Amino acid sequence: MGKLNYKGGNFYGRLKSRSLTQKQSELFETLLPNVSIKSFDDIRLLDYKGIFIEIGFGSGEHLAQLASLDADKLFVGCELFINGIASLLTRIEQMNLSNLKVFQNDARKLFHEIPDESIDGVFLLFPDPWPKRKHIKRRFIQNDTIQEIHRILKEGGFFKIATDDIGYFQWIQKSFTSFDTKFSMEVLNSESRPPEFIWPQTRYEQKATKSCNFFLFIKKSPL
């Protein structure tokens, strides 16, 4: 399977919701250049025992907690939302994390640059469900992105997805139907979710008023 021919795309949504604090603005100037990557080529693969990517990390609490638990592994967060990046930078400084990188761009652009079978795990937690029919094409879960994630994952690597939207839940199930020979699938809910030390909660999940569903896809076939 060849790489996704990524040629860029539209970003839907806001890049910023509120003004940054003075401290956050300072971190953008001083810390972000040190933790930011422009390309996957900026990563030295042999320096880490595993590499994990989060697509749209929100405020960064999930990514930062994972990074704090596995110092010998690299965690890469892909995010365009300025306030989310500012929150993560604050966590990186407070927790003194040296194994976390920020890709301030569309995750699909990064995927295009990643060699086959190089990634241990990918996270997509509570993505925008784009519930209107005319917006379905904006959903991150599409056949081409599933194919690309399968390509970059190592055999046995995982793709974890969480959603509290029933429409998106059904969409994910349907989208993965044609990939049943490439991934095994396990579905959990709020009552049976993995424990915190395995799958830390996000602030979004903590505030969710609807039941959350969790997908665990394991790559079971080579390219």
N, C-alpha and C. Protein backbone atom coordinates (compact mmCIF):
# COMPACT_ATOMS: atom_id res chain seq x y z
N MET A 1 0.85 -1.19 0.00
CA MET A 1 0.00 0.00 0.00
C MET A 1 0.89 1.24 0.00
N GLY A 2 0.64 2.16 -0.88
CA GLY A 2 1.45 3.36 -0.97
C GLY A 2 1.02 4.41 0.03
N LYS A 3 1.79 5.44 0.15
CA LYS A 3 1.48 6.52 1.06
C LYS A 3 0.31 7.34 0.52
N LEU A 4 -0.45 7.95 1.44
CA LEU A 4 -1.51 8.86 1.07
C LEU A 4 -0.90 10.05 0.35
N ASN A 5 -1.47 10.41 -0.77
CA ASN A 5 -0.97 11.55 -1.53
C ASN A 5 -1.57 12.83 -0.95
N TYR A 6 -1.01 13.28 0.16
CA TYR A 6 -1.55 14.45 0.85
C TYR A 6 -1.10 15.72 0.15
N LYS A 7 -2.07 16.54 -0.24
CA LYS A 7 -1.76 17.80 -0.91
C LYS A 7 -2.29 19.00 -0.13
N GLY A 8 -2.54 18.75 1.15
CA GLY A 8 -3.09 19.84 1.94
C GLY A 8 -4.60 19.78 1.94
N GLY A 9 -5.23 20.60 2.74
CA GLY A 9 -6.68 20.60 2.82
C GLY A 9 -7.16 21.76 3.65
N ASN A 10 -8.47 21.87 3.77
CA ASN A 10 -9.05 22.97 4.51
C ASN A 10 -9.11 22.65 6.00
N PHE A 11 -8.90 23.67 6.81
CA PHE A 11 -9.09 23.52 8.25
C PHE A 11 -10.43 24.15 8.60
N TYR A 12 -11.30 23.39 9.26
CA TYR A 12 -12.62 23.87 9.62
C TYR A 12 -12.66 24.11 11.12
N GLY A 13 -13.01 25.32 11.52
CA GLY A 13 -13.08 25.63 12.94
C GLY A 13 -12.19 26.81 13.28
N ARG A 14 -12.19 27.17 14.57
CA ARG A 14 -11.41 28.32 15.02
C ARG A 14 -9.98 27.91 15.34
N LEU A 15 -9.06 28.80 15.08
CA LEU A 15 -7.68 28.58 15.46
C LEU A 15 -7.39 29.14 16.85
N LYS A 16 -8.28 30.02 17.34
CA LYS A 16 -8.05 30.64 18.64
C LYS A 16 -9.39 31.08 19.20
N SER A 17 -9.59 30.90 20.53
CA SER A 17 -10.87 31.28 21.12
C SER A 17 -10.75 32.45 22.08
N ARG A 18 -9.61 32.62 22.70
CA ARG A 18 -9.44 33.70 23.67
C ARG A 18 -7.97 34.13 23.68
N SER A 19 -7.73 35.30 24.23
CA SER A 19 -6.37 35.83 24.26
C SER A 19 -5.50 34.99 25.20
N LEU A 20 -4.23 34.87 24.85
CA LEU A 20 -3.29 34.15 25.69
C LEU A 20 -2.87 35.01 26.87
N THR A 21 -2.53 34.36 27.97
CA THR A 21 -1.97 35.09 29.09
C THR A 21 -0.54 35.50 28.72
N GLN A 22 0.01 36.38 29.51
CA GLN A 22 1.39 36.80 29.25
C GLN A 22 2.34 35.62 29.33
N LYS A 23 2.12 34.74 30.31
CA LYS A 23 2.97 33.57 30.48
C LYS A 23 2.86 32.65 29.26
N GLN A 24 1.66 32.42 28.77
CA GLN A 24 1.47 31.57 27.60
C GLN A 24 2.15 32.16 26.37
N SER A 25 2.04 33.47 26.22
CA SER A 25 2.70 34.13 25.09
C SER A 25 4.21 33.97 25.17
N GLU A 26 4.74 34.04 26.38
CA GLU A 26 6.18 33.85 26.57
C GLU A 26 6.59 32.43 26.19
N LEU A 27 5.76 31.43 26.55
CA LEU A 27 6.08 30.04 26.22
C LEU A 27 6.06 29.80 24.71
N PHE A 28 5.20 30.52 24.01
CA PHE A 28 5.20 30.41 22.55
C PHE A 28 6.52 30.91 21.97
N GLU A 29 7.11 31.88 22.64
CA GLU A 29 8.37 32.45 22.15
C GLU A 29 9.57 31.62 22.60
N THR A 30 9.53 31.07 23.82
CA THR A 30 10.71 30.43 24.38
C THR A 30 10.70 28.91 24.32
N LEU A 31 9.53 28.30 24.60
CA LEU A 31 9.46 26.84 24.69
C LEU A 31 9.04 26.18 23.38
N LEU A 32 8.05 26.74 22.70
CA LEU A 32 7.54 26.10 21.49
C LEU A 32 8.62 25.81 20.46
N PRO A 33 9.56 26.73 20.20
CA PRO A 33 10.60 26.40 19.21
C PRO A 33 11.43 25.17 19.58
N ASN A 34 11.54 24.88 20.87
CA ASN A 34 12.35 23.74 21.32
C ASN A 34 11.61 22.41 21.23
N VAL A 35 10.27 22.46 21.27
CA VAL A 35 9.49 21.22 21.25
C VAL A 35 8.74 21.02 19.95
N SER A 36 8.80 22.00 19.08
CA SER A 36 8.06 21.93 17.83
C SER A 36 8.83 21.16 16.75
N ILE A 37 8.09 20.40 15.95
CA ILE A 37 8.69 19.76 14.78
C ILE A 37 7.95 20.25 13.53
N LYS A 38 8.69 20.45 12.47
CA LYS A 38 8.11 20.87 11.19
C LYS A 38 7.88 19.69 10.28
N SER A 39 8.56 18.59 10.57
CA SER A 39 8.50 17.40 9.72
C SER A 39 8.84 16.18 10.57
N PHE A 40 8.41 15.01 10.13
CA PHE A 40 8.77 13.78 10.84
C PHE A 40 10.27 13.53 10.75
N ASP A 41 10.90 14.13 9.78
CA ASP A 41 12.36 13.99 9.65
C ASP A 41 13.10 14.61 10.82
N ASP A 42 12.41 15.46 11.59
CA ASP A 42 13.03 16.09 12.76
C ASP A 42 13.17 15.13 13.93
N ILE A 43 12.58 13.94 13.81
CA ILE A 43 12.59 12.97 14.91
C ILE A 43 13.67 11.92 14.69
N ARG A 44 14.47 11.68 15.70
CA ARG A 44 15.50 10.63 15.66
C ARG A 44 14.89 9.35 16.22
N LEU A 45 14.49 8.44 15.32
CA LEU A 45 13.75 7.25 15.71
C LEU A 45 14.49 6.40 16.73
N LEU A 46 15.80 6.29 16.61
CA LEU A 46 16.57 5.40 17.47
C LEU A 46 16.70 5.93 18.89
N ASP A 47 16.29 7.17 19.12
CA ASP A 47 16.38 7.75 20.46
C ASP A 47 15.26 7.30 21.39
N TYR A 48 14.25 6.61 20.85
CA TYR A 48 13.07 6.28 21.65
C TYR A 48 12.69 4.81 21.49
N LYS A 49 12.08 4.27 22.54
CA LYS A 49 11.63 2.88 22.52
C LYS A 49 10.24 2.73 21.91
N GLY A 50 9.61 3.83 21.60
CA GLY A 50 8.29 3.80 20.98
C GLY A 50 7.86 5.21 20.63
N ILE A 51 7.01 5.35 19.62
CA ILE A 51 6.52 6.66 19.20
C ILE A 51 5.00 6.60 19.10
N PHE A 52 4.34 7.61 19.70
CA PHE A 52 2.89 7.67 19.74
C PHE A 52 2.43 9.05 19.28
N ILE A 53 1.31 9.10 18.59
CA ILE A 53 0.81 10.35 18.03
C ILE A 53 -0.62 10.58 18.49
N GLU A 54 -0.91 11.80 18.94
CA GLU A 54 -2.29 12.18 19.24
C GLU A 54 -2.75 13.20 18.22
N ILE A 55 -3.91 12.93 17.62
CA ILE A 55 -4.50 13.80 16.60
C ILE A 55 -5.44 14.78 17.29
N GLY A 56 -5.09 16.05 17.32
CA GLY A 56 -5.92 17.04 17.99
C GLY A 56 -5.95 16.80 19.48
N PHE A 57 -4.96 17.33 20.22
CA PHE A 57 -4.80 16.95 21.63
C PHE A 57 -5.58 17.82 22.61
N GLY A 58 -6.43 18.72 22.11
CA GLY A 58 -7.25 19.54 23.01
C GLY A 58 -6.39 20.39 23.92
N SER A 59 -6.55 20.21 25.23
CA SER A 59 -5.75 20.96 26.20
C SER A 59 -4.46 20.23 26.56
N GLY A 60 -4.28 19.03 26.05
CA GLY A 60 -3.02 18.32 26.22
C GLY A 60 -2.88 17.49 27.47
N GLU A 61 -3.95 17.38 28.29
CA GLU A 61 -3.80 16.65 29.55
C GLU A 61 -3.54 15.16 29.33
N HIS A 62 -4.20 14.57 28.34
CA HIS A 62 -4.00 13.15 28.05
C HIS A 62 -2.57 12.90 27.58
N LEU A 63 -2.12 13.70 26.64
CA LEU A 63 -0.79 13.53 26.06
C LEU A 63 0.30 13.75 27.11
N ALA A 64 0.16 14.79 27.91
CA ALA A 64 1.17 15.10 28.92
C ALA A 64 1.25 14.00 29.98
N GLN A 65 0.11 13.46 30.39
CA GLN A 65 0.13 12.40 31.41
C GLN A 65 0.81 11.15 30.87
N LEU A 66 0.53 10.79 29.62
CA LEU A 66 1.19 9.62 29.03
C LEU A 66 2.70 9.84 28.95
N ALA A 67 3.10 11.03 28.52
CA ALA A 67 4.52 11.33 28.40
C ALA A 67 5.22 11.25 29.75
N SER A 68 4.53 11.66 30.81
CA SER A 68 5.14 11.64 32.13
C SER A 68 5.33 10.22 32.65
N LEU A 69 4.55 9.27 32.12
CA LEU A 69 4.62 7.88 32.59
C LEU A 69 5.64 7.04 31.84
N ASP A 70 6.05 7.50 30.64
CA ASP A 70 6.98 6.73 29.81
C ASP A 70 8.04 7.65 29.23
N ALA A 71 9.07 7.93 30.03
CA ALA A 71 10.08 8.90 29.63
C ALA A 71 10.94 8.43 28.46
N ASP A 72 10.98 7.11 28.22
CA ASP A 72 11.81 6.59 27.14
C ASP A 72 11.05 6.48 25.82
N LYS A 73 9.80 6.95 25.82
CA LYS A 73 8.99 6.93 24.60
C LYS A 73 8.67 8.36 24.18
N LEU A 74 8.46 8.56 22.89
CA LEU A 74 8.17 9.89 22.37
C LEU A 74 6.68 10.03 22.08
N PHE A 75 6.12 11.16 22.48
CA PHE A 75 4.71 11.45 22.23
C PHE A 75 4.62 12.73 21.39
N VAL A 76 3.93 12.64 20.27
CA VAL A 76 3.81 13.75 19.34
C VAL A 76 2.36 14.18 19.28
N GLY A 77 2.11 15.45 19.53
CA GLY A 77 0.75 15.98 19.47
C GLY A 77 0.57 16.85 18.25
N CYS A 78 -0.48 16.59 17.49
CA CYS A 78 -0.80 17.39 16.30
C CYS A 78 -1.99 18.30 16.64
N GLU A 79 -1.81 19.57 16.50
CA GLU A 79 -2.87 20.51 16.88
C GLU A 79 -2.66 21.84 16.16
N LEU A 80 -3.77 22.47 15.77
CA LEU A 80 -3.74 23.80 15.15
C LEU A 80 -4.31 24.86 16.08
N PHE A 81 -5.10 24.44 17.07
CA PHE A 81 -5.78 25.37 17.95
C PHE A 81 -4.78 26.02 18.92
N ILE A 82 -4.65 27.32 18.83
CA ILE A 82 -3.62 28.06 19.57
C ILE A 82 -3.76 27.88 21.08
N ASN A 83 -4.98 27.98 21.59
CA ASN A 83 -5.17 27.88 23.04
C ASN A 83 -4.84 26.48 23.56
N GLY A 84 -5.11 25.46 22.76
CA GLY A 84 -4.74 24.11 23.16
C GLY A 84 -3.24 23.94 23.23
N ILE A 85 -2.53 24.48 22.26
CA ILE A 85 -1.07 24.41 22.26
C ILE A 85 -0.52 25.15 23.48
N ALA A 86 -1.11 26.30 23.79
CA ALA A 86 -0.66 27.07 24.96
C ALA A 86 -0.83 26.27 26.24
N SER A 87 -1.95 25.55 26.36
CA SER A 87 -2.18 24.73 27.55
C SER A 87 -1.16 23.60 27.65
N LEU A 88 -0.86 22.99 26.52
CA LEU A 88 0.12 21.90 26.54
C LEU A 88 1.50 22.42 26.88
N LEU A 89 1.87 23.57 26.36
CA LEU A 89 3.18 24.14 26.67
C LEU A 89 3.32 24.39 28.17
N THR A 90 2.24 24.84 28.79
CA THR A 90 2.26 25.05 30.24
C THR A 90 2.50 23.73 30.97
N ARG A 91 1.87 22.67 30.51
CA ARG A 91 2.06 21.36 31.13
C ARG A 91 3.49 20.85 30.92
N ILE A 92 4.01 21.05 29.74
CA ILE A 92 5.38 20.61 29.45
C ILE A 92 6.36 21.27 30.41
N GLU A 93 6.18 22.58 30.63
CA GLU A 93 7.09 23.30 31.52
C GLU A 93 6.89 22.85 32.97
N GLN A 94 5.65 22.76 33.41
CA GLN A 94 5.37 22.41 34.81
C GLN A 94 5.81 20.99 35.15
N MET A 95 5.67 20.08 34.18
CA MET A 95 5.99 18.66 34.42
C MET A 95 7.40 18.30 33.96
N ASN A 96 8.09 19.29 33.39
CA ASN A 96 9.47 19.09 32.94
C ASN A 96 9.57 17.91 31.97
N LEU A 97 8.76 17.93 30.94
CA LEU A 97 8.70 16.84 29.98
C LEU A 97 9.68 17.09 28.83
N SER A 98 10.48 16.09 28.54
CA SER A 98 11.46 16.21 27.46
C SER A 98 11.16 15.24 26.31
N ASN A 99 10.07 14.49 26.42
CA ASN A 99 9.73 13.47 25.43
C ASN A 99 8.40 13.76 24.74
N LEU A 100 8.12 15.04 24.58
CA LEU A 100 6.86 15.44 23.95
C LEU A 100 7.14 16.50 22.90
N LYS A 101 6.60 16.28 21.70
CA LYS A 101 6.80 17.20 20.59
C LYS A 101 5.45 17.68 20.07
N VAL A 102 5.45 18.87 19.48
CA VAL A 102 4.23 19.47 18.94
C VAL A 102 4.38 19.66 17.44
N PHE A 103 3.40 19.16 16.70
CA PHE A 103 3.32 19.38 15.26
C PHE A 103 2.14 20.32 15.03
N GLN A 104 2.42 21.59 14.76
CA GLN A 104 1.38 22.61 14.65
C GLN A 104 0.84 22.64 13.21
N ASN A 105 0.15 21.56 12.87
CA ASN A 105 -0.36 21.43 11.50
C ASN A 105 -1.35 20.27 11.47
N ASP A 106 -1.91 20.01 10.31
CA ASP A 106 -2.83 18.89 10.12
C ASP A 106 -2.07 17.58 10.27
N ALA A 107 -2.60 16.67 11.08
CA ALA A 107 -1.94 15.39 11.33
C ALA A 107 -1.71 14.61 10.05
N ARG A 108 -2.60 14.76 9.08
CA ARG A 108 -2.46 14.01 7.83
C ARG A 108 -1.21 14.40 7.06
N LYS A 109 -0.79 15.64 7.23
CA LYS A 109 0.45 16.06 6.59
C LYS A 109 1.64 15.33 7.21
N LEU A 110 1.61 15.15 8.52
CA LEU A 110 2.69 14.41 9.20
C LEU A 110 2.67 12.95 8.79
N PHE A 111 1.48 12.35 8.72
CA PHE A 111 1.36 10.94 8.34
C PHE A 111 2.02 10.69 6.99
N HIS A 112 1.85 11.61 6.08
CA HIS A 112 2.40 11.44 4.73
C HIS A 112 3.91 11.29 4.76
N GLU A 113 4.55 11.84 5.78
CA GLU A 113 6.02 11.83 5.86
C GLU A 113 6.57 10.63 6.64
N ILE A 114 5.70 9.88 7.29
CA ILE A 114 6.16 8.81 8.19
C ILE A 114 6.43 7.53 7.42
N PRO A 115 7.58 6.90 7.63
CA PRO A 115 7.88 5.62 6.96
C PRO A 115 6.90 4.53 7.39
N ASP A 116 6.77 3.52 6.56
CA ASP A 116 5.91 2.38 6.87
C ASP A 116 6.27 1.76 8.22
N GLU A 117 5.25 1.39 8.96
CA GLU A 117 5.40 0.61 10.20
C GLU A 117 6.42 1.22 11.16
N SER A 118 6.23 2.52 11.47
CA SER A 118 7.14 3.24 12.36
C SER A 118 6.52 3.67 13.68
N ILE A 119 5.18 3.60 13.78
CA ILE A 119 4.47 4.17 14.92
C ILE A 119 3.85 3.07 15.77
N ASP A 120 3.93 3.24 17.10
CA ASP A 120 3.40 2.24 18.02
C ASP A 120 1.93 2.45 18.36
N GLY A 121 1.47 3.70 18.32
CA GLY A 121 0.07 3.95 18.66
C GLY A 121 -0.38 5.32 18.21
N VAL A 122 -1.68 5.44 17.89
CA VAL A 122 -2.29 6.70 17.47
C VAL A 122 -3.56 6.91 18.30
N PHE A 123 -3.78 8.15 18.74
CA PHE A 123 -4.96 8.50 19.53
C PHE A 123 -5.80 9.54 18.78
N LEU A 124 -7.11 9.36 18.79
CA LEU A 124 -8.06 10.35 18.27
C LEU A 124 -9.20 10.42 19.29
N LEU A 125 -9.15 11.42 20.17
CA LEU A 125 -10.07 11.49 21.30
C LEU A 125 -11.07 12.61 21.12
N PHE A 126 -12.33 12.23 21.04
CA PHE A 126 -13.44 13.15 20.94
C PHE A 126 -13.28 14.18 19.81
N PRO A 127 -13.09 13.69 18.60
CA PRO A 127 -13.00 14.61 17.46
C PRO A 127 -14.35 15.24 17.16
N ASP A 128 -14.35 16.35 16.47
CA ASP A 128 -15.59 16.99 16.06
C ASP A 128 -16.39 16.01 15.21
N PRO A 129 -17.64 15.69 15.60
CA PRO A 129 -18.40 14.69 14.84
C PRO A 129 -19.01 15.22 13.55
N TRP A 130 -19.01 16.54 13.35
CA TRP A 130 -19.62 17.12 12.16
C TRP A 130 -20.94 16.40 11.84
N PRO A 131 -21.96 16.62 12.68
CA PRO A 131 -23.20 15.83 12.58
C PRO A 131 -24.04 16.09 11.33
N LYS A 132 -23.93 17.27 10.73
CA LYS A 132 -24.75 17.54 9.55
C LYS A 132 -24.27 16.71 8.36
N ARG A 133 -25.22 16.19 7.59
CA ARG A 133 -24.88 15.32 6.47
C ARG A 133 -23.93 16.00 5.49
N LYS A 134 -24.12 17.30 5.26
CA LYS A 134 -23.29 18.00 4.30
C LYS A 134 -21.85 18.18 4.79
N HIS A 135 -21.63 17.94 6.09
CA HIS A 135 -20.29 18.11 6.67
C HIS A 135 -19.57 16.80 6.92
N ILE A 136 -20.19 15.67 6.58
CA ILE A 136 -19.59 14.37 6.89
C ILE A 136 -18.20 14.23 6.30
N LYS A 137 -17.98 14.83 5.14
CA LYS A 137 -16.66 14.74 4.50
C LYS A 137 -15.57 15.40 5.33
N ARG A 138 -15.96 16.22 6.33
CA ARG A 138 -14.98 16.88 7.18
C ARG A 138 -14.50 15.97 8.32
N ARG A 139 -15.19 14.87 8.57
CA ARG A 139 -14.79 13.97 9.65
C ARG A 139 -13.40 13.41 9.39
N PHE A 140 -12.64 13.25 10.47
CA PHE A 140 -11.28 12.74 10.30
C PHE A 140 -11.29 11.28 9.84
N ILE A 141 -12.24 10.51 10.35
CA ILE A 141 -12.31 9.10 9.98
C ILE A 141 -12.89 8.95 8.58
N GLN A 142 -12.02 8.64 7.65
CA GLN A 142 -12.37 8.37 6.26
C GLN A 142 -11.52 7.19 5.80
N ASN A 143 -11.88 6.59 4.70
CA ASN A 143 -11.14 5.42 4.23
C ASN A 143 -9.66 5.71 4.03
N ASP A 144 -9.34 6.89 3.47
CA ASP A 144 -7.94 7.17 3.18
C ASP A 144 -7.12 7.37 4.44
N THR A 145 -7.72 7.99 5.49
CA THR A 145 -6.96 8.17 6.73
C THR A 145 -6.80 6.84 7.48
N ILE A 146 -7.80 5.97 7.40
CA ILE A 146 -7.67 4.65 8.02
C ILE A 146 -6.55 3.87 7.33
N GLN A 147 -6.52 3.93 6.03
CA GLN A 147 -5.46 3.24 5.27
C GLN A 147 -4.09 3.78 5.65
N GLU A 148 -4.01 5.10 5.82
CA GLU A 148 -2.72 5.70 6.15
C GLU A 148 -2.26 5.33 7.56
N ILE A 149 -3.19 5.31 8.49
CA ILE A 149 -2.84 4.91 9.85
C ILE A 149 -2.42 3.45 9.88
N HIS A 150 -3.09 2.61 9.13
CA HIS A 150 -2.67 1.20 9.04
C HIS A 150 -1.25 1.11 8.50
N ARG A 151 -0.92 1.92 7.53
CA ARG A 151 0.42 1.88 6.91
C ARG A 151 1.51 2.26 7.91
N ILE A 152 1.27 3.32 8.70
CA ILE A 152 2.34 3.82 9.56
C ILE A 152 2.47 3.02 10.86
N LEU A 153 1.42 2.29 11.26
CA LEU A 153 1.49 1.52 12.49
C LEU A 153 2.35 0.27 12.32
N LYS A 154 3.07 -0.05 13.38
CA LYS A 154 3.76 -1.34 13.43
C LYS A 154 2.72 -2.44 13.57
N GLU A 155 3.06 -3.65 13.16
CA GLU A 155 2.14 -4.75 13.39
C GLU A 155 1.95 -4.93 14.89
N GLY A 156 0.69 -4.97 15.33
CA GLY A 156 0.41 -5.00 16.77
C GLY A 156 0.21 -3.62 17.36
N GLY A 157 0.48 -2.57 16.56
CA GLY A 157 0.25 -1.21 17.02
C GLY A 157 -1.23 -0.91 17.13
N PHE A 158 -1.59 0.15 17.87
CA PHE A 158 -3.00 0.43 18.12
C PHE A 158 -3.44 1.79 17.61
N PHE A 159 -4.74 1.89 17.37
CA PHE A 159 -5.41 3.14 17.06
C PHE A 159 -6.57 3.25 18.03
N LYS A 160 -6.51 4.22 18.95
CA LYS A 160 -7.54 4.40 19.96
C LYS A 160 -8.40 5.62 19.61
N ILE A 161 -9.72 5.42 19.63
CA ILE A 161 -10.66 6.49 19.32
C ILE A 161 -11.69 6.57 20.43
N ALA A 162 -12.07 7.79 20.81
CA ALA A 162 -13.14 7.99 21.79
C ALA A 162 -14.13 8.99 21.23
N THR A 163 -15.42 8.75 21.47
CA THR A 163 -16.47 9.69 21.04
C THR A 163 -17.66 9.58 21.97
N ASP A 164 -18.38 10.69 22.12
CA ASP A 164 -19.63 10.65 22.87
C ASP A 164 -20.81 10.94 21.95
N ASP A 165 -20.56 10.91 20.66
CA ASP A 165 -21.59 11.19 19.66
C ASP A 165 -22.04 9.88 19.01
N ILE A 166 -23.32 9.55 19.13
CA ILE A 166 -23.80 8.28 18.63
C ILE A 166 -23.68 8.18 17.11
N GLY A 167 -23.86 9.32 16.42
CA GLY A 167 -23.73 9.32 14.97
C GLY A 167 -22.31 9.00 14.54
N TYR A 168 -21.35 9.58 15.23
CA TYR A 168 -19.94 9.33 14.89
C TYR A 168 -19.55 7.91 15.30
N PHE A 169 -20.11 7.45 16.42
CA PHE A 169 -19.87 6.07 16.85
C PHE A 169 -20.27 5.09 15.74
N GLN A 170 -21.44 5.29 15.20
CA GLN A 170 -21.92 4.42 14.12
C GLN A 170 -21.08 4.58 12.86
N TRP A 171 -20.64 5.81 12.60
CA TRP A 171 -19.80 6.09 11.43
C TRP A 171 -18.47 5.35 11.54
N ILE A 172 -17.88 5.35 12.72
CA ILE A 172 -16.60 4.65 12.93
C ILE A 172 -16.78 3.15 12.69
N GLN A 173 -17.82 2.59 13.27
CA GLN A 173 -18.07 1.16 13.08
C GLN A 173 -18.23 0.82 11.60
N LYS A 174 -19.02 1.62 10.90
CA LYS A 174 -19.25 1.39 9.48
C LYS A 174 -17.97 1.55 8.68
N SER A 175 -17.19 2.58 9.00
CA SER A 175 -15.97 2.88 8.24
C SER A 175 -14.94 1.76 8.35
N PHE A 176 -14.90 1.09 9.50
CA PHE A 176 -13.90 0.05 9.71
C PHE A 176 -14.35 -1.33 9.24
N THR A 177 -15.59 -1.42 8.76
CA THR A 177 -16.11 -2.71 8.30
C THR A 177 -15.23 -3.32 7.21
N SER A 178 -14.80 -2.50 6.27
CA SER A 178 -13.98 -3.00 5.16
C SER A 178 -12.53 -3.22 5.55
N PHE A 179 -12.18 -2.95 6.82
CA PHE A 179 -10.80 -3.12 7.29
C PHE A 179 -10.70 -4.24 8.33
N ASP A 180 -11.70 -5.15 8.33
CA ASP A 180 -11.72 -6.17 9.37
C ASP A 180 -10.58 -7.18 9.25
N THR A 181 -9.96 -7.27 8.07
CA THR A 181 -8.80 -8.15 7.93
C THR A 181 -7.51 -7.45 8.34
N LYS A 182 -7.57 -6.14 8.52
CA LYS A 182 -6.38 -5.37 8.84
C LYS A 182 -6.31 -4.95 10.31
N PHE A 183 -7.49 -4.84 10.95
CA PHE A 183 -7.55 -4.44 12.35
C PHE A 183 -8.48 -5.37 13.12
N SER A 184 -8.11 -5.67 14.35
CA SER A 184 -9.08 -6.24 15.29
C SER A 184 -9.74 -5.06 16.00
N MET A 185 -10.97 -5.23 16.50
CA MET A 185 -11.69 -4.13 17.11
C MET A 185 -12.28 -4.53 18.45
N GLU A 186 -12.10 -3.66 19.44
CA GLU A 186 -12.74 -3.82 20.74
C GLU A 186 -13.45 -2.52 21.06
N VAL A 187 -14.70 -2.61 21.53
CA VAL A 187 -15.48 -1.42 21.86
C VAL A 187 -15.84 -1.45 23.34
N LEU A 188 -15.55 -0.35 24.03
CA LEU A 188 -15.87 -0.21 25.45
C LEU A 188 -16.72 1.04 25.64
N ASN A 189 -17.36 1.16 26.82
CA ASN A 189 -18.14 2.36 27.11
C ASN A 189 -17.65 2.99 28.42
N SER A 190 -18.39 3.98 28.89
CA SER A 190 -17.94 4.71 30.08
C SER A 190 -17.79 3.81 31.30
N GLU A 191 -18.63 2.77 31.39
CA GLU A 191 -18.58 1.88 32.54
C GLU A 191 -17.43 0.88 32.44
N SER A 192 -17.06 0.51 31.23
CA SER A 192 -16.03 -0.52 31.05
C SER A 192 -14.74 0.05 30.45
N ARG A 193 -14.60 1.38 30.48
CA ARG A 193 -13.43 2.02 29.87
C ARG A 193 -12.14 1.53 30.53
N PRO A 194 -11.02 1.63 29.81
CA PRO A 194 -9.73 1.26 30.40
C PRO A 194 -9.41 2.13 31.60
N PRO A 195 -8.63 1.63 32.56
CA PRO A 195 -8.28 2.42 33.75
C PRO A 195 -7.45 3.64 33.38
N GLU A 196 -7.44 4.60 34.31
CA GLU A 196 -6.77 5.88 34.08
C GLU A 196 -5.29 5.74 33.70
N PHE A 197 -4.59 4.81 34.32
CA PHE A 197 -3.15 4.70 34.03
C PHE A 197 -2.89 4.16 32.63
N ILE A 198 -3.90 3.56 32.02
CA ILE A 198 -3.77 3.08 30.64
C ILE A 198 -4.31 4.10 29.66
N TRP A 199 -5.45 4.71 30.02
CA TRP A 199 -6.09 5.66 29.13
C TRP A 199 -6.56 6.86 29.95
N PRO A 200 -5.70 7.85 30.20
CA PRO A 200 -6.06 9.01 31.03
C PRO A 200 -7.28 9.75 30.48
N GLN A 201 -8.08 10.27 31.38
CA GLN A 201 -9.25 11.04 30.98
C GLN A 201 -8.84 12.41 30.46
N THR A 202 -9.61 12.91 29.50
CA THR A 202 -9.47 14.30 29.07
C THR A 202 -10.49 15.13 29.82
N ARG A 203 -10.33 16.45 29.81
CA ARG A 203 -11.31 17.32 30.45
C ARG A 203 -12.66 17.19 29.74
N TYR A 204 -12.62 16.97 28.43
CA TYR A 204 -13.85 16.82 27.68
C TYR A 204 -14.63 15.60 28.18
N GLU A 205 -13.94 14.50 28.39
CA GLU A 205 -14.62 13.30 28.89
C GLU A 205 -15.18 13.53 30.29
N GLN A 206 -14.44 14.21 31.13
CA GLN A 206 -14.89 14.46 32.50
C GLN A 206 -16.17 15.29 32.53
N LYS A 207 -16.33 16.18 31.54
CA LYS A 207 -17.50 17.05 31.50
C LYS A 207 -18.63 16.48 30.66
N ALA A 208 -18.38 15.37 29.97
CA ALA A 208 -19.38 14.81 29.05
C ALA A 208 -20.66 14.44 29.79
N THR A 209 -21.79 14.84 29.22
CA THR A 209 -23.08 14.50 29.82
C THR A 209 -23.67 13.25 29.18
N LYS A 210 -23.11 12.83 28.05
CA LYS A 210 -23.56 11.62 27.37
C LYS A 210 -22.54 10.51 27.56
N SER A 211 -23.00 9.29 27.37
CA SER A 211 -22.10 8.15 27.51
C SER A 211 -21.01 8.21 26.45
N CYS A 212 -19.79 7.87 26.86
CA CYS A 212 -18.65 7.87 25.94
C CYS A 212 -18.36 6.45 25.47
N ASN A 213 -17.95 6.32 24.26
CA ASN A 213 -17.56 5.03 23.71
C ASN A 213 -16.10 5.06 23.30
N PHE A 214 -15.42 3.94 23.48
CA PHE A 214 -13.99 3.85 23.24
C PHE A 214 -13.71 2.68 22.29
N PHE A 215 -13.00 2.98 21.24
CA PHE A 215 -12.60 1.96 20.28
C PHE A 215 -11.11 1.66 20.44
N LEU A 216 -10.77 0.40 20.42
CA LEU A 216 -9.37 0.00 20.39
C LEU A 216 -9.18 -0.88 19.14
N PHE A 217 -8.47 -0.35 18.16
CA PHE A 217 -8.15 -1.08 16.95
C PHE A 217 -6.69 -1.52 17.00
N ILE A 218 -6.44 -2.77 16.77
CA ILE A 218 -5.07 -3.31 16.76
C ILE A 218 -4.74 -3.77 15.34
N LYS A 219 -3.62 -3.29 14.83
CA LYS A 219 -3.19 -3.71 13.49
C LYS A 219 -2.80 -5.19 13.54
N LYS A 220 -3.47 -6.00 12.74
CA LYS A 220 -3.22 -7.43 12.79
C LYS A 220 -2.67 -8.01 11.49
N SER A 221 -2.48 -7.17 10.49
CA SER A 221 -1.91 -7.69 9.26
C SER A 221 -0.85 -6.74 8.74
N PRO A 222 0.19 -7.25 8.12
CA PRO A 222 1.22 -6.35 7.56
C PRO A 222 0.71 -5.64 6.33
N LEU A 223 1.53 -4.79 5.75
CA LEU A 223 1.12 -4.04 4.57
C LEU A 223 0.83 -4.98 3.40
